[in-house]
PDB file of N, CA and C in Angstrom:
ATOM      1  N   MET A   1     -63.114   0.150  64.717  1.00  0.00           N
ATOM      2  CA  MET A   1     -62.456  -0.566  65.441  1.00  0.00           C
ATOM      3  C   MET A   1     -62.294   0.101  66.841  1.00  0.00           C
ATOM      4  N   PRO A   2     -62.268   1.330  66.990  1.00  0.00           N
ATOM      5  CA  PRO A   2     -62.221   2.077  68.424  1.00  0.00           C
ATOM      6  C   PRO A   2     -62.480   1.991  69.393  1.00  0.00           C
ATOM      7  N   GLU A   3     -63.978   1.923  69.169  1.00  0.00           N
ATOM      8  CA  GLU A   3     -65.240   1.375  70.028  1.00  0.00           C
ATOM      9  C   GLU A   3     -65.343   0.261  70.011  1.00  0.00           C
ATOM     10  N   ARG A   4     -64.550  -0.901  70.013  1.00  0.00           N
ATOM     11  CA  ARG A   4     -64.108  -2.337  70.721  1.00  0.00           C
ATOM     12  C   ARG A   4     -62.900  -2.608  70.620  1.00  0.00           C
ATOM     13  N   GLY A   5     -61.599  -1.489  71.000  1.00  0.00           N
ATOM     14  CA  GLY A   5     -60.731  -1.743  72.292  1.00  0.00           C
ATOM     15  C   GLY A   5     -59.528  -1.748  71.261  1.00  0.00           C
ATOM     16  N   VAL A   6     -59.514  -1.572  69.214  1.00  0.00           N
ATOM     17  CA  VAL A   6     -58.416  -1.970  68.583  1.00  0.00           C
ATOM     18  C   VAL A   6     -58.361  -1.271  67.961  1.00  0.00           C
ATOM     19  N   SER A   7     -56.181  -1.345  68.215  1.00  0.00           N
ATOM     20  CA  SER A   7     -55.369  -0.131  66.930  1.00  0.00           C
ATOM     21  C   SER A   7     -55.275  -0.807  66.351  1.00  0.00           C
ATOM     22  N   GLU A   8     -54.759  -0.341  65.202  1.00  0.00           N
ATOM     23  CA  GLU A   8     -54.371  -0.753  64.031  1.00  0.00           C
ATOM     24  C   GLU A   8     -52.892  -1.349  64.274  1.00  0.00           C
ATOM     25  N   ASP A   9     -52.262  -0.950  65.465  1.00  0.00           N
ATOM     26  CA  ASP A   9     -51.053  -1.723  66.233  1.00  0.00           C
ATOM     27  C   ASP A   9     -51.495  -3.222  66.005  1.00  0.00           C
ATOM     28  N   ASP A  10     -52.454  -3.053  66.577  1.00  0.00           N
ATOM     29  CA  ASP A  10     -52.991  -4.541  67.508  1.00  0.00           C
ATOM     30  C   ASP A  10     -53.736  -5.777  65.830  1.00  0.00           C
ATOM     31  N   ILE A  11     -53.687  -4.945  65.097  1.00  0.00           N
ATOM     32  CA  ILE A  11     -54.504  -5.517  63.595  1.00  0.00           C
ATOM     33  C   ILE A  11     -52.973  -6.480  62.823  1.00  0.00           C
ATOM     34  N   ARG A  12     -51.985  -5.246  62.681  1.00  0.00           N
ATOM     35  CA  ARG A  12     -50.840  -5.734  62.568  1.00  0.00           C
ATOM     36  C   ARG A  12     -50.007  -7.186  63.313  1.00  0.00           C
ATOM     37  N   ASP A  13     -50.103  -6.797  64.595  1.00  0.00           N
ATOM     38  CA  ASP A  13     -49.100  -7.544  64.868  1.00  0.00           C
ATOM     39  C   ASP A  13     -50.414  -9.168  65.487  1.00  0.00           C
ATOM     40  N   VAL A  14     -51.469  -9.190  65.636  1.00  0.00           N
ATOM     41  CA  VAL A  14     -52.506 -10.137  64.608  1.00  0.00           C
ATOM     42  C   VAL A  14     -51.790 -10.928  63.301  1.00  0.00           C
ATOM     43  N   LEU A  15     -52.153 -10.174  62.526  1.00  0.00           N
ATOM     44  CA  LEU A  15     -51.527 -10.140  60.467  1.00  0.00           C
ATOM     45  C   LEU A  15     -50.320 -11.156  61.256  1.00  0.00           C
ATOM     46  N   ALA A  16     -49.367 -11.175  61.678  1.00  0.00           N
ATOM     47  CA  ALA A  16     -47.692 -11.039  61.794  1.00  0.00           C
ATOM     48  C   ALA A  16     -48.191 -12.616  63.459  1.00  0.00           C
ATOM     49  N   ARG A  17     -48.286 -12.071  63.739  1.00  0.00           N
ATOM     50  CA  ARG A  17     -48.189 -13.455  64.921  1.00  0.00           C
ATOM     51  C   ARG A  17     -49.531 -14.247  65.809  1.00  0.00           C
ATOM     52  N   GLY A  18     -50.309 -14.168  65.035  1.00  0.00           N
ATOM     53  CA  GLY A  18     -51.560 -14.868  65.539  1.00  0.00           C
ATOM     54  C   GLY A  18     -51.807 -16.147  65.230  1.00  0.00           C
ATOM     55  N   ARG A  19     -52.921 -16.783  65.659  1.00  0.00           N
ATOM     56  CA  ARG A  19     -52.791 -18.058  65.637  1.00  0.00           C
ATOM     57  C   ARG A  19     -54.166 -18.597  64.730  1.00  0.00           C
ATOM     58  N   PRO A  20     -54.247 -19.228  63.496  1.00  0.00           N
ATOM     59  CA  PRO A  20     -55.960 -19.588  62.746  1.00  0.00           C
ATOM     60  C   PRO A  20     -56.723 -19.788  64.247  1.00  0.00           C
ATOM     61  N   ALA A  21     -58.122 -19.222  63.966  1.00  0.00           N
ATOM     62  CA  ALA A  21     -59.378 -18.988  64.340  1.00  0.00           C
ATOM     63  C   ALA A  21     -60.551 -19.709  63.250  1.00  0.00           C
ATOM     64  N   GLU A  22     -61.280 -20.090  64.267  1.00  0.00           N
ATOM     65  CA  GLU A  22     -62.335 -20.832  62.690  1.00  0.00           C
ATOM     66  C   GLU A  22     -63.041 -19.388  61.921  1.00  0.00           C
ATOM     67  N   ALA A  23     -63.553 -19.325  61.612  1.00  0.00           N
ATOM     68  CA  ALA A  23     -64.235 -18.327  60.020  1.00  0.00           C
ATOM     69  C   ALA A  23     -65.230 -19.579  59.119  1.00  0.00           C
ATOM     70  N   TYR A  24     -65.963 -18.729  58.494  1.00  0.00           N
ATOM     71  CA  TYR A  24     -66.596 -18.983  57.885  1.00  0.00           C
ATOM     72  C   TYR A  24     -67.227 -18.802  56.216  1.00  0.00           C
ATOM     73  N   GLY A  25     -67.914 -19.274  55.824  1.00  0.00           N
ATOM     74  CA  GLY A  25     -67.888 -18.702  54.092  1.00  0.00           C
ATOM     75  C   GLY A  25     -66.717 -18.227  53.676  1.00  0.00           C
ATOM     76  N   GLY A  26     -65.817 -19.578  53.559  1.00  0.00           N
ATOM     77  CA  GLY A  26     -64.145 -18.930  52.592  1.00  0.00           C
ATOM     78  C   GLY A  26     -63.657 -17.629  53.473  1.00  0.00           C
ATOM     79  N   ARG A  27     -64.110 -17.529  54.681  1.00  0.00           N
ATOM     80  CA  ARG A  27     -62.859 -16.396  54.897  1.00  0.00           C
ATOM     81  C   ARG A  27     -61.591 -16.771  56.278  1.00  0.00           C
ATOM     82  N   GLN A  28     -60.897 -15.931  55.910  1.00  0.00           N
ATOM     83  CA  GLN A  28     -59.795 -16.899  57.131  1.00  0.00           C
ATOM     84  C   GLN A  28     -59.731 -16.204  58.499  1.00  0.00           C
ATOM     85  N   ALA A  29     -59.115 -16.539  59.426  1.00  0.00           N
ATOM     86  CA  ALA A  29     -59.277 -16.010  61.012  1.00  0.00           C
ATOM     87  C   ALA A  29     -57.955 -16.453  61.424  1.00  0.00           C
ATOM     88  N   LEU A  30     -57.933 -14.816  62.001  1.00  0.00           N
ATOM     89  CA  LEU A  30     -56.633 -15.380  63.133  1.00  0.00           C
ATOM     90  C   LEU A  30     -57.059 -14.610  64.337  1.00  0.00           C
ATOM     91  N   GLU A  31     -56.148 -15.276  66.172  1.00  0.00           N
ATOM     92  CA  GLU A  31     -56.537 -14.544  67.280  1.00  0.00           C
ATOM     93  C   GLU A  31     -55.470 -14.137  67.276  1.00  0.00           C
ATOM     94  N   LEU A  32     -55.137 -13.308  68.703  1.00  0.00           N
ATOM     95  CA  LEU A  32     -53.742 -13.360  69.444  1.00  0.00           C
ATOM     96  C   LEU A  32     -54.322 -12.584  70.476  1.00  0.00           C
ATOM     97  N   VAL A  33     -53.834 -12.870  72.242  1.00  0.00           N
ATOM     98  CA  VAL A  33     -54.032 -12.863  73.444  1.00  0.00           C
ATOM     99  C   VAL A  33     -53.265 -11.722  74.032  1.00  0.00           C
ATOM    100  N   PHE A  34     -53.095 -10.775  73.516  1.00  0.00           N
ATOM    101  CA  PHE A  34     -52.289  -9.473  74.301  1.00  0.00           C
ATOM    102  C   PHE A  34     -52.778  -9.552  75.846  1.00  0.00           C
ATOM    103  N   PRO A  35     -51.078  -8.872  76.592  1.00  0.00           N
ATOM    104  CA  PRO A  35     -51.228  -8.617  77.953  1.00  0.00           C
ATOM    105  C   PRO A  35     -52.091  -7.192  77.937  1.00  0.00           C
ATOM    106  N   TYR A  36     -53.073  -7.114  78.871  1.00  0.00           N
ATOM    107  CA  TYR A  36     -54.303  -5.376  78.932  1.00  0.00           C
ATOM    108  C   TYR A  36     -53.960  -4.931  79.668  1.00  0.00           C
ATOM    109  N   ASN A  37     -54.172  -5.578  81.205  1.00  0.00           N
ATOM    110  CA  ASN A  37     -53.618  -4.845  82.861  1.00  0.00           C
ATOM    111  C   ASN A  37     -54.518  -3.526  82.882  1.00  0.00           C
ATOM    112  N   SER A  38     -55.844  -3.164  82.215  1.00  0.00           N
ATOM    113  CA  SER A  38     -56.189  -1.886  82.347  1.00  0.00           C
ATOM    114  C   SER A  38     -57.743  -2.351  82.099  1.00  0.00           C
ATOM    115  N   HIS A  39     -58.101  -0.976  82.346  1.00  0.00           N
ATOM    116  CA  HIS A  39     -60.170  -0.573  82.479  1.00  0.00           C
ATOM    117  C   HIS A  39     -60.402  -0.634  81.105  1.00  0.00           C
ATOM    118  N   TRP A  40     -61.676  -1.297  80.889  1.00  0.00           N
ATOM    119  CA  TRP A  40     -62.732  -1.525  79.607  1.00  0.00           C
ATOM    120  C   TRP A  40     -64.212  -1.584  79.940  1.00  0.00           C
ATOM    121  N   GLN A  41     -64.467  -0.352  79.747  1.00  0.00           N
ATOM    122  CA  GLN A  41     -66.098   0.155  80.529  1.00  0.00           C
ATOM    123  C   GLN A  41     -66.038  -0.442  81.671  1.00  0.00           C
ATOM    124  N   GLY A  42     -65.519   0.114  82.338  1.00  0.00           N
ATOM    125  CA  GLY A  42     -65.406   0.300  84.085  1.00  0.00           C
ATOM    126  C   GLY A  42     -65.134  -0.750  84.632  1.00  0.00           C
ATOM    127  N   ARG A  43     -64.732  -2.128  83.867  1.00  0.00           N
ATOM    128  CA  ARG A  43     -64.042  -2.929  84.423  1.00  0.00           C
ATOM    129  C   ARG A  43     -62.881  -3.462  83.945  1.00  0.00           C
ATOM    130  N   PHE A  44     -61.713  -4.162  85.319  1.00  0.00           N
ATOM    131  CA  PHE A  44     -60.495  -3.954  85.312  1.00  0.00           C
ATOM    132  C   PHE A  44     -60.267  -5.859  84.625  1.00  0.00           C
ATOM    133  N   TYR A  45     -59.854  -5.463  83.919  1.00  0.00           N
ATOM    134  CA  TYR A  45     -59.565  -7.062  82.725  1.00  0.00           C
ATOM    135  C   TYR A  45     -57.605  -6.956  82.494  1.00  0.00           C
ATOM    136  N   GLU A  46     -57.305  -8.486  82.704  1.00  0.00           N
ATOM    137  CA  GLU A  46     -56.069  -9.304  82.155  1.00  0.00           C
ATOM    138  C   GLU A  46     -55.200  -8.749  81.341  1.00  0.00           C
ATOM    139  N   GLN A  47     -56.235  -9.508  80.658  1.00  0.00           N
ATOM    140  CA  GLN A  47     -56.193  -9.478  78.894  1.00  0.00           C
ATOM    141  C   GLN A  47     -57.236  -9.161  78.149  1.00  0.00           C
ATOM    142  N   LYS A  48     -56.330  -8.779  77.169  1.00  0.00           N
ATOM    143  CA  LYS A  48     -57.653  -8.855  75.375  1.00  0.00           C
ATOM    144  C   LYS A  48     -57.344  -9.682  74.196  1.00  0.00           C
ATOM    145  N   ARG A  49     -58.227 -10.483  74.201  1.00  0.00           N
ATOM    146  CA  ARG A  49     -58.222 -11.362  72.878  1.00  0.00           C
ATOM    147  C   ARG A  49     -58.515 -10.500  71.822  1.00  0.00           C
ATOM    148  N   VAL A  50     -57.954 -10.431  69.913  1.00  0.00           N
ATOM    149  CA  VAL A  50     -58.289 -10.005  68.986  1.00  0.00           C
ATOM    150  C   VAL A  50     -58.596 -11.171  68.534  1.00  0.00           C
ATOM    151  N   LYS A  51     -59.779 -11.301  67.564  1.00  0.00           N
ATOM    152  CA  LYS A  51     -59.891 -11.894  66.525  1.00  0.00           C
ATOM    153  C   LYS A  51     -59.719 -11.150  65.460  1.00  0.00           C
ATOM    154  N   ILE A  52     -59.600 -11.567  64.003  1.00  0.00           N
ATOM    155  CA  ILE A  52     -59.799 -10.944  62.335  1.00  0.00           C
ATOM    156  C   ILE A  52     -59.792 -11.559  61.882  1.00  0.00           C
ATOM    157  N   VAL A  53     -61.304 -11.334  61.575  1.00  0.00           N
ATOM    158  CA  VAL A  53     -61.947 -12.407  60.044  1.00  0.00           C
ATOM    159  C   VAL A  53     -61.235 -11.376  58.680  1.00  0.00           C
ATOM    160  N   TYR A  54     -60.398 -12.014  58.016  1.00  0.00           N
ATOM    161  CA  TYR A  54     -59.941 -11.693  56.728  1.00  0.00           C
ATOM    162  C   TYR A  54     -60.443 -12.879  55.262  1.00  0.00           C
ATOM    163  N   VAL A  55     -60.008 -11.697  53.815  1.00  0.00           N
ATOM    164  CA  VAL A  55     -59.561 -12.016  52.785  1.00  0.00           C
ATOM    165  C   VAL A  55     -58.653 -12.570  52.156  1.00  0.00           C
ATOM    166  N   GLU A  56     -58.256 -12.794  51.386  1.00  0.00           N
ATOM    167  CA  GLU A  56     -56.741 -12.629  50.804  1.00  0.00           C
ATOM    168  C   GLU A  56     -57.423 -12.014  49.293  1.00  0.00           C
ATOM    169  N   GLU A  57     -56.820 -11.032  48.577  1.00  0.00           N
ATOM    170  CA  GLU A  57     -56.923 -10.763  47.821  1.00  0.00           C
ATOM    171  C   GLU A  57     -55.184 -11.078  46.536  1.00  0.00           C
ATOM    172  N   GLY A  58     -55.132 -11.171  46.301  1.00  0.00           N
ATOM    173  CA  GLY A  58     -53.621 -11.339  45.600  1.00  0.00           C
ATOM    174  C   GLY A  58     -52.656 -11.741  46.664  1.00  0.00           C
ATOM    175  N   ASP A  59     -51.973 -10.922  47.046  1.00  0.00           N
ATOM    176  CA  ASP A  59     -50.475 -10.768  48.303  1.00  0.00           C
ATOM    177  C   ASP A  59     -51.465  -9.771  48.965  1.00  0.00           C
ATOM    178  N   ASP A  60     -52.355  -9.730  49.022  1.00  0.00           N
ATOM    179  CA  ASP A  60     -53.243  -8.452  50.481  1.00  0.00           C
ATOM    180  C   ASP A  60     -53.757  -9.734  50.581  1.00  0.00           C
ATOM    181  N   GLN A  61     -54.154  -8.729  52.287  1.00  0.00           N
ATOM    182  CA  GLN A  61     -55.170  -9.702  53.473  1.00  0.00           C
ATOM    183  C   GLN A  61     -56.154  -8.432  53.475  1.00  0.00           C
ATOM    184  N   VAL A  62     -57.344  -8.305  53.043  1.00  0.00           N
ATOM    185  CA  VAL A  62     -58.564  -7.148  53.235  1.00  0.00           C
ATOM    186  C   VAL A  62     -59.131  -7.704  54.981  1.00  0.00           C
ATOM    187  N   VAL A  63     -59.388  -7.157  55.421  1.00  0.00           N
ATOM    188  CA  VAL A  63     -60.048  -7.048  57.001  1.00  0.00           C
ATOM    189  C   VAL A  63     -61.003  -7.180  57.409  1.00  0.00           C
ATOM    190  N   ILE A  64     -61.920  -8.113  56.876  1.00  0.00           N
ATOM    191  CA  ILE A  64     -63.098  -7.905  57.053  1.00  0.00           C
ATOM    192  C   ILE A  64     -64.328  -7.263  58.542  1.00  0.00           C
ATOM    193  N   THR A  65     -63.843  -8.267  59.398  1.00  0.00           N
ATOM    194  CA  THR A  65     -64.336  -7.308  60.517  1.00  0.00           C
ATOM    195  C   THR A  65     -62.725  -7.848  61.375  1.00  0.00           C
ATOM    196  N   VAL A  66     -63.263  -7.355  62.825  1.00  0.00           N
ATOM    197  CA  VAL A  66     -62.786  -7.283  63.837  1.00  0.00           C
ATOM    198  C   VAL A  66     -63.683  -7.708  65.293  1.00  0.00           C
ATOM    199  N   TYR A  67     -62.618  -8.970  66.484  1.00  0.00           N
ATOM    200  CA  TYR A  67     -63.685  -8.781  67.195  1.00  0.00           C
ATOM    201  C   TYR A  67     -62.429  -8.771  68.810  1.00  0.00           C
ATOM    202  N   SER A  68     -63.197  -8.084  69.597  1.00  0.00           N
ATOM    203  CA  SER A  68     -62.585  -8.572  70.883  1.00  0.00           C
ATOM    204  C   SER A  68     -63.044  -8.381  72.298  1.00  0.00           C
ATOM    205  N   TYR A  69     -62.191  -9.477  72.661  1.00  0.00           N
ATOM    206  CA  TYR A  69     -62.479  -9.659  74.220  1.00  0.00           C
ATOM    207  C   TYR A  69     -61.468  -9.394  75.504  1.00  0.00           C
ATOM    208  N   TYR A  70     -62.323  -9.865  76.229  1.00  0.00           N
ATOM    209  CA  TYR A  70     -61.368  -9.215  77.532  1.00  0.00           C
ATOM    210  C   TYR A  70     -61.900 -10.315  78.468  1.00  0.00           C
ATOM    211  N   GLY A  71     -60.753 -10.523  79.067  1.00  0.00           N
ATOM    212  CA  GLY A  71     -61.041 -11.242  80.312  1.00  0.00           C
ATOM    213  C   GLY A  71     -59.343 -11.862  80.528  1.00  0.00           C
ATOM    214  N   ARG A  72     -59.495 -13.018  81.040  1.00  0.00           N
ATOM    215  CA  ARG A  72     -57.938 -13.852  80.938  1.00  0.00           C
ATOM    216  C   ARG A  72     -58.288 -15.340  80.354  1.00  0.00           C
ATOM    217  N   TRP A  73     -57.119 -15.470  79.403  1.00  0.00           N
ATOM    218  CA  TRP A  73     -56.862 -16.868  78.929  1.00  0.00           C
ATOM    219  C   TRP A  73     -55.548 -17.254  79.139  1.00  0.00           C
ATOM    220  N   ASP A  74     -55.491 -19.019  79.476  1.00  0.00           N
ATOM    221  CA  ASP A  74     -54.302 -19.409  79.775  1.00  0.00           C
ATOM    222  C   ASP A  74     -53.506 -20.054  78.436  1.00  0.00           C
TER     223      ASP A  74
END
């Protein structure tokens, strides 16, 4: 996650407030756009979109992978 600029708090926010996104293989996905207004890898970005892919095991949500995108979404 750190290599992608995503924190554990970001993951919690996506799980709590994210909107459904496309996922494959019986998995589920959520994504959320965050205000960013900072630099990532030498470029300035207004927003960061975080997508998590997860499975449900009983009452738990197990995160499989995390994607981050930098840019601007309306």
